[in-house]
N, C-alpha and C. Protein backbone atom coordinates (compact mmCIF):
# COMPACT_ATOMS: atom_id res chain seq x y z
N LEU A 1 -3.45 18.08 117.30
CA LEU A 1 -4.69 18.47 117.99
C LEU A 1 -5.72 18.95 116.98
N GLU A 2 -6.97 18.83 117.38
CA GLU A 2 -8.05 19.24 116.48
C GLU A 2 -8.27 20.74 116.59
N GLU A 3 -9.14 21.25 115.73
CA GLU A 3 -9.48 22.68 115.78
C GLU A 3 -10.19 23.00 117.08
N PRO A 4 -10.01 24.20 117.61
CA PRO A 4 -10.69 24.62 118.85
C PRO A 4 -12.20 24.45 118.75
N ASP A 5 -12.73 24.67 117.55
CA ASP A 5 -14.18 24.53 117.34
C ASP A 5 -14.62 23.10 117.62
N ASP A 6 -13.79 22.14 117.20
CA ASP A 6 -14.13 20.73 117.42
C ASP A 6 -14.19 20.43 118.91
N TRP A 7 -13.29 21.07 119.68
CA TRP A 7 -13.27 20.84 121.12
C TRP A 7 -14.59 21.27 121.71
N LEU A 8 -15.11 22.41 121.22
CA LEU A 8 -16.36 22.93 121.77
C LEU A 8 -17.52 22.03 121.34
N ARG A 9 -17.44 21.49 120.13
CA ARG A 9 -18.52 20.64 119.61
C ARG A 9 -18.59 19.33 120.37
N TYR A 10 -17.43 18.70 120.52
CA TYR A 10 -17.42 17.37 121.16
C TYR A 10 -17.17 17.47 122.66
N GLY A 11 -16.84 18.69 123.13
CA GLY A 11 -16.60 18.87 124.56
C GLY A 11 -15.13 18.62 124.89
N ASN A 12 -14.57 17.52 124.36
CA ASN A 12 -13.16 17.21 124.60
C ASN A 12 -12.52 16.70 123.31
N PRO A 13 -11.27 17.07 123.06
CA PRO A 13 -10.57 16.63 121.84
C PRO A 13 -10.43 15.11 121.80
N TRP A 14 -10.35 14.48 122.99
CA TRP A 14 -10.18 13.02 123.07
C TRP A 14 -11.49 12.31 122.75
N GLU A 15 -12.60 12.98 123.05
CA GLU A 15 -13.91 12.39 122.75
C GLU A 15 -14.00 12.07 121.27
N LYS A 16 -13.51 13.01 120.45
CA LYS A 16 -13.57 12.83 119.01
C LYS A 16 -12.62 11.71 118.58
N ALA A 17 -11.46 11.66 119.21
CA ALA A 17 -10.45 10.68 118.83
C ALA A 17 -10.92 9.27 119.17
N ARG A 18 -11.65 9.14 120.30
CA ARG A 18 -12.13 7.82 120.71
C ARG A 18 -13.47 7.51 120.05
N PRO A 19 -13.64 6.30 119.51
CA PRO A 19 -14.88 5.88 118.84
C PRO A 19 -16.03 5.75 119.82
């Protein structure tokens, strides 16, 4: 899993994982 900060930035951890 990504850092909690990334979740807040992208809204969802999967958003970042998906192009």
